[in-house]
Amino acid sequence: MKNNIKKLRAEKKISQQKLAEILNVSRQTINSIETGKFDPSLTLTIKIVRFFKKDLQEIFIFKND
């Protein structure tokens, strides 16, 4: 699933490592989510949405193919 996490991170000026620490996951998990190799769990998705204070649709781009 595509997402805007990298862009949102850049706006907040935080690294993958810092976001990972805040969300209590590994940096590799953040990288995999940003590159679309991994879809986060519902729990992690909620943490991401709350951290960025954005609507789900502003962060994750769901394409129904």
N, C-alpha and C. Protein backbone atom coordinates (compact mmCIF):
# COMPACT_ATOMS: atom_id res chain seq x y z
N MET A 1 0.84 -1.17 0.00
CA MET A 1 0.00 0.00 0.00
C MET A 1 0.89 1.24 0.00
N LYS A 2 0.56 2.19 -0.84
CA LYS A 2 1.34 3.42 -0.90
C LYS A 2 0.98 4.31 0.29
N ASN A 3 1.93 5.19 0.63
CA ASN A 3 1.69 6.08 1.77
C ASN A 3 2.54 7.34 1.64
N ASN A 4 2.24 8.29 2.50
CA ASN A 4 2.94 9.57 2.52
C ASN A 4 3.83 9.72 3.75
N ILE A 5 4.23 8.63 4.36
CA ILE A 5 4.99 8.71 5.60
C ILE A 5 6.33 9.41 5.40
N LYS A 6 7.03 9.10 4.34
CA LYS A 6 8.33 9.73 4.10
C LYS A 6 8.18 11.25 4.00
N LYS A 7 7.17 11.70 3.28
CA LYS A 7 6.92 13.14 3.12
C LYS A 7 6.55 13.77 4.47
N LEU A 8 5.70 13.10 5.22
CA LEU A 8 5.29 13.63 6.52
C LEU A 8 6.46 13.67 7.50
N ARG A 9 7.32 12.66 7.42
CA ARG A 9 8.53 12.65 8.27
C ARG A 9 9.42 13.84 7.94
N ALA A 10 9.58 14.09 6.64
CA ALA A 10 10.42 15.20 6.20
C ALA A 10 9.85 16.54 6.69
N GLU A 11 8.53 16.67 6.65
CA GLU A 11 7.90 17.89 7.14
C GLU A 11 8.17 18.10 8.63
N LYS A 12 8.21 17.02 9.39
CA LYS A 12 8.47 17.09 10.83
C LYS A 12 9.97 17.07 11.14
N LYS A 13 10.77 16.86 10.09
CA LYS A 13 12.24 16.82 10.23
C LYS A 13 12.69 15.74 11.22
N ILE A 14 12.12 14.53 11.06
CA ILE A 14 12.55 13.42 11.90
C ILE A 14 13.02 12.27 11.02
N SER A 15 13.97 11.52 11.53
CA SER A 15 14.54 10.39 10.80
C SER A 15 13.65 9.16 10.95
N GLN A 16 13.95 8.17 10.11
CA GLN A 16 13.27 6.88 10.25
C GLN A 16 13.53 6.31 11.64
N GLN A 17 14.76 6.45 12.10
CA GLN A 17 15.13 5.92 13.42
C GLN A 17 14.32 6.58 14.53
N LYS A 18 14.17 7.89 14.48
CA LYS A 18 13.42 8.61 15.51
C LYS A 18 11.96 8.21 15.48
N LEU A 19 11.37 8.11 14.29
CA LEU A 19 9.97 7.68 14.19
C LEU A 19 9.82 6.26 14.72
N ALA A 20 10.76 5.41 14.39
CA ALA A 20 10.72 4.03 14.88
C ALA A 20 10.74 3.99 16.40
N GLU A 21 11.59 4.81 17.00
CA GLU A 21 11.66 4.85 18.47
C GLU A 21 10.34 5.33 19.06
N ILE A 22 9.76 6.35 18.47
CA ILE A 22 8.49 6.90 18.95
C ILE A 22 7.38 5.85 18.87
N LEU A 23 7.38 5.08 17.77
CA LEU A 23 6.32 4.08 17.54
C LEU A 23 6.65 2.71 18.13
N ASN A 24 7.86 2.60 18.70
CA ASN A 24 8.30 1.35 19.32
C ASN A 24 8.40 0.19 18.31
N VAL A 25 8.99 0.50 17.16
CA VAL A 25 9.26 -0.51 16.12
C VAL A 25 10.70 -0.30 15.65
N SER A 26 11.17 -1.15 14.76
CA SER A 26 12.53 -1.00 14.24
C SER A 26 12.55 0.00 13.08
N ARG A 27 13.74 0.54 12.82
CA ARG A 27 13.91 1.44 11.68
C ARG A 27 13.59 0.70 10.39
N GLN A 28 13.93 -0.59 10.34
CA GLN A 28 13.66 -1.39 9.15
C GLN A 28 12.15 -1.49 8.88
N THR A 29 11.37 -1.54 9.96
CA THR A 29 9.91 -1.58 9.79
C THR A 29 9.42 -0.29 9.14
N ILE A 30 9.92 0.84 9.61
CA ILE A 30 9.53 2.13 9.01
C ILE A 30 9.94 2.17 7.55
N ASN A 31 11.16 1.74 7.26
CA ASN A 31 11.63 1.72 5.87
C ASN A 31 10.74 0.83 5.01
N SER A 32 10.39 -0.34 5.51
CA SER A 32 9.56 -1.27 4.73
C SER A 32 8.16 -0.71 4.49
N ILE A 33 7.62 0.01 5.46
CA ILE A 33 6.31 0.63 5.28
C ILE A 33 6.41 1.73 4.23
N GLU A 34 7.42 2.58 4.36
CA GLU A 34 7.59 3.69 3.42
C GLU A 34 7.76 3.22 1.98
N THR A 35 8.46 2.11 1.80
CA THR A 35 8.71 1.61 0.44
C THR A 35 7.61 0.68 -0.06
N GLY A 36 6.58 0.45 0.75
CA GLY A 36 5.45 -0.37 0.32
C GLY A 36 5.70 -1.86 0.38
N LYS A 37 6.78 -2.28 1.04
CA LYS A 37 7.09 -3.71 1.15
C LYS A 37 6.34 -4.36 2.30
N PHE A 38 5.80 -3.55 3.19
CA PHE A 38 5.13 -4.05 4.38
C PHE A 38 3.95 -3.15 4.71
N ASP A 39 2.79 -3.76 4.97
CA ASP A 39 1.63 -3.02 5.43
C ASP A 39 1.56 -3.13 6.94
N PRO A 40 1.46 -1.99 7.64
CA PRO A 40 1.45 -2.04 9.09
C PRO A 40 0.19 -2.69 9.65
N SER A 41 0.30 -3.23 10.85
CA SER A 41 -0.86 -3.78 11.54
C SER A 41 -1.83 -2.64 11.85
N LEU A 42 -3.01 -2.98 12.25
CA LEU A 42 -4.00 -1.98 12.62
C LEU A 42 -3.49 -1.15 13.80
N THR A 43 -2.90 -1.80 14.78
CA THR A 43 -2.37 -1.10 15.95
C THR A 43 -1.30 -0.09 15.54
N LEU A 44 -0.37 -0.51 14.70
CA LEU A 44 0.69 0.40 14.25
C LEU A 44 0.12 1.51 13.38
N THR A 45 -0.85 1.20 12.56
CA THR A 45 -1.50 2.21 11.73
C THR A 45 -2.12 3.30 12.60
N ILE A 46 -2.79 2.89 13.66
CA ILE A 46 -3.41 3.86 14.58
C ILE A 46 -2.33 4.73 15.22
N LYS A 47 -1.22 4.13 15.63
CA LYS A 47 -0.12 4.90 16.22
C LYS A 47 0.42 5.93 15.22
N ILE A 48 0.57 5.52 13.97
CA ILE A 48 1.08 6.42 12.93
C ILE A 48 0.12 7.59 12.72
N VAL A 49 -1.18 7.27 12.60
CA VAL A 49 -2.20 8.30 12.39
C VAL A 49 -2.21 9.29 13.56
N ARG A 50 -2.13 8.78 14.78
CA ARG A 50 -2.13 9.65 15.95
C ARG A 50 -0.87 10.50 16.01
N PHE A 51 0.28 9.91 15.68
CA PHE A 51 1.53 10.67 15.72
C PHE A 51 1.50 11.84 14.75
N PHE A 52 1.08 11.60 13.52
CA PHE A 52 1.09 12.65 12.51
C PHE A 52 -0.13 13.57 12.60
N LYS A 53 -1.14 13.17 13.39
CA LYS A 53 -2.36 13.98 13.55
C LYS A 53 -3.00 14.29 12.20
N LYS A 54 -3.11 13.24 11.41
CA LYS A 54 -3.71 13.35 10.07
C LYS A 54 -4.80 12.29 9.94
N ASP A 55 -5.70 12.49 8.99
CA ASP A 55 -6.68 11.46 8.69
C ASP A 55 -5.98 10.29 8.02
N LEU A 56 -6.53 9.12 8.19
CA LEU A 56 -5.97 7.90 7.61
C LEU A 56 -5.72 8.07 6.11
N GLN A 57 -6.67 8.67 5.40
CA GLN A 57 -6.56 8.83 3.95
C GLN A 57 -5.47 9.82 3.55
N GLU A 58 -5.03 10.66 4.46
CA GLU A 58 -3.95 11.59 4.17
C GLU A 58 -2.58 10.92 4.29
N ILE A 59 -2.56 9.78 4.96
CA ILE A 59 -1.30 9.05 5.16
C ILE A 59 -1.20 7.85 4.24
N PHE A 60 -2.26 7.07 4.17
CA PHE A 60 -2.25 5.84 3.37
C PHE A 60 -3.12 5.99 2.14
N ILE A 61 -2.60 5.52 1.01
CA ILE A 61 -3.29 5.63 -0.28
C ILE A 61 -3.72 4.22 -0.69
N PHE A 62 -5.02 3.99 -0.59
CA PHE A 62 -5.56 2.67 -0.90
C PHE A 62 -6.12 2.67 -2.31
N LYS A 63 -5.57 1.79 -3.14
CA LYS A 63 -6.05 1.64 -4.51
C LYS A 63 -6.74 0.28 -4.62
N ASN A 64 -8.00 0.30 -4.98
CA ASN A 64 -8.75 -0.93 -5.12
C ASN A 64 -8.68 -1.38 -6.58
N ASP A 65 -7.73 -2.27 -6.86
CA ASP A 65 -7.50 -2.72 -8.25
C ASP A 65 -8.32 -3.92 -8.59
